């Protein structure tokens, strides 16, 4: 890639150049036509589209993970409810047996059954 030096050097007043600045301009020897510009624009659009797609799929992956965690939370909540019911059922009989009302009750001495 080579550059050629242009012969036009603007005055300091036109460009507001100050001391110790490079005032030489270079013109590229590579000239791109309209087809090359169109191809470059298409490539840039393609790259930006791919970047967008990778970001969108990354967000979708996070959505699947959060949905899985929500399902686990719902399952654990239902298990917790089942365990609370089981705990209430198991402790209810023990509470009745150890209550003061149950301790003052007496057992029946004479039981008779009616037969047909």
Protein backbone atom coordinates (compact mmCIF):
# COMPACT_ATOMS: atom_id res chain seq x y z
CA UNK A 1 0.00 0.00 0.00
CA UNK A 2 1.62 3.22 -1.06
CA UNK A 3 0.60 6.78 -0.57
CA UNK A 4 1.46 9.70 -2.73
CA UNK A 5 1.94 13.17 -1.50
CA UNK A 6 -0.41 15.82 -2.78
CA UNK A 7 1.02 19.04 -4.02
CA UNK A 8 -1.61 21.24 -2.44
CA UNK A 9 -0.68 22.58 0.99
CA UNK A 10 -3.18 25.02 2.45
CA UNK A 11 -1.99 28.09 4.23
CA UNK A 12 -1.88 28.25 8.00
CA UNK A 13 -4.76 30.68 8.12
CA UNK A 14 -7.04 28.35 6.16
CA UNK A 15 -6.41 25.29 8.33
CA UNK A 16 -5.49 26.87 11.67
CA UNK A 17 -2.20 25.01 11.78
CA UNK A 18 0.14 25.82 14.56
CA UNK A 19 3.84 25.22 14.86
CA UNK A 20 5.32 21.71 14.91
CA UNK A 21 2.36 20.06 13.20
CA UNK A 22 2.48 17.97 10.09
CA UNK A 23 0.98 19.90 7.20
CA UNK A 24 1.47 17.21 4.55
CA UNK A 25 -1.59 15.42 3.21
CA UNK A 26 -1.52 11.99 1.68
CA UNK A 27 -3.79 10.69 -1.05
CA UNK A 28 -4.36 6.95 -1.24
CA UNK A 29 -3.40 5.26 -4.49
CA UNK A 30 -6.14 2.67 -3.96
CA UNK A 31 -9.41 3.79 -5.46
CA UNK A 32 -12.62 1.88 -4.68
CA UNK A 33 -15.49 1.83 -7.11
CA UNK A 34 -19.23 1.77 -6.37
CA UNK A 35 -19.36 -2.05 -6.43
CA UNK A 36 -16.59 -2.32 -3.85
CA UNK A 37 -18.33 0.23 -1.65
CA UNK A 38 -21.59 -1.72 -1.92
CA UNK A 39 -19.80 -4.95 -0.98
CA UNK A 40 -18.14 -3.29 2.01
CA UNK A 41 -21.45 -1.86 3.22
CA UNK A 42 -23.09 -5.28 2.84
CA UNK A 43 -20.28 -6.89 4.83
CA UNK A 44 -20.62 -4.31 7.60
CA UNK A 45 -24.37 -4.87 7.77
CA UNK A 46 -23.78 -8.64 7.90
CA UNK A 47 -21.28 -8.31 10.74
CA UNK A 48 -23.62 -6.03 12.70
CA UNK A 49 -26.46 -8.51 12.14
CA UNK A 50 -24.35 -11.38 13.45
CA UNK A 51 -23.40 -9.37 16.51
CA UNK A 52 -27.08 -8.63 17.12
CA UNK A 53 -28.00 -12.31 16.73
CA UNK A 54 -25.36 -13.45 19.20
CA UNK A 55 -26.63 -10.95 21.76
CA UNK A 56 -30.26 -12.01 21.18
CA UNK A 57 -29.49 -15.73 21.55
CA UNK A 58 -27.51 -15.03 24.70
CA UNK A 59 -30.57 -13.31 26.19
CA UNK A 60 -32.74 -16.27 25.15
CA UNK A 61 -30.36 -18.62 26.94
CA UNK A 62 -30.77 -16.60 30.11
CA UNK A 63 -34.54 -16.81 29.67
CA UNK A 64 -34.40 -20.62 29.55
CA UNK A 65 -32.25 -20.71 32.68
CA UNK A 66 -34.62 -18.42 34.57
CA UNK A 67 -37.61 -20.50 33.45
CA UNK A 68 -35.91 -23.64 34.75
CA UNK A 69 -35.19 -21.99 38.10
CA UNK A 70 -38.81 -20.79 38.33
CA UNK A 71 -39.99 -24.37 37.76
CA UNK A 72 -37.68 -25.60 40.52
CA UNK A 73 -39.02 -22.93 42.89
CA UNK A 74 -42.60 -23.96 42.15
CA UNK A 75 -41.76 -27.64 42.77
CA UNK A 76 -40.03 -26.83 46.05
CA UNK A 77 -42.99 -24.71 47.18
CA UNK A 78 -45.41 -27.57 46.51
CA UNK A 79 -43.12 -29.96 48.42
CA UNK A 80 -43.01 -27.50 51.30
CA UNK A 81 -46.80 -27.33 51.39
CA UNK A 82 -47.05 -31.14 51.35
CA UNK A 83 -44.54 -31.39 54.19
CA UNK A 84 -46.42 -28.79 56.23
CA UNK A 85 -49.63 -30.78 55.83
CA UNK A 86 -47.85 -34.00 56.78
CA UNK A 87 -46.32 -32.30 59.82
CA UNK A 88 -49.72 -31.01 60.92
CA UNK A 89 -51.24 -34.47 60.49
CA UNK A 90 -48.50 -36.19 62.48
CA UNK A 91 -48.41 -33.67 65.29
CA UNK A 92 -52.19 -33.42 65.66
CA UNK A 93 -52.57 -36.90 67.18
CA UNK A 94 -49.64 -36.35 69.49
CA UNK A 95 -51.08 -33.00 70.59
CA UNK A 96 -54.47 -34.55 71.32
CA UNK A 97 -52.95 -37.38 73.33
CA UNK A 98 -50.87 -35.05 75.46
CA UNK A 99 -53.58 -32.41 76.00
CA UNK A 100 -55.11 -31.85 79.44
CA UNK A 101 -58.54 -32.89 78.23
CA UNK A 102 -57.26 -36.26 77.06
CA UNK A 103 -55.35 -36.84 80.28
CA UNK A 104 -58.50 -36.32 82.43
CA UNK A 105 -60.56 -38.75 80.37
CA UNK A 106 -60.98 -42.28 81.64
CA UNK A 107 -61.25 -45.44 79.64
CA UNK A 108 -64.56 -47.24 79.43
CA UNK A 109 -64.81 -50.28 81.71
CA UNK A 110 -67.89 -52.06 80.40
CA UNK A 111 -68.29 -52.32 76.67
CA UNK A 112 -71.03 -54.29 75.05
CA UNK A 113 -71.77 -54.72 71.42
CA UNK A 114 -75.17 -55.13 69.93
CA UNK A 115 -75.52 -58.19 67.81
CA UNK A 116 -78.14 -58.85 65.24
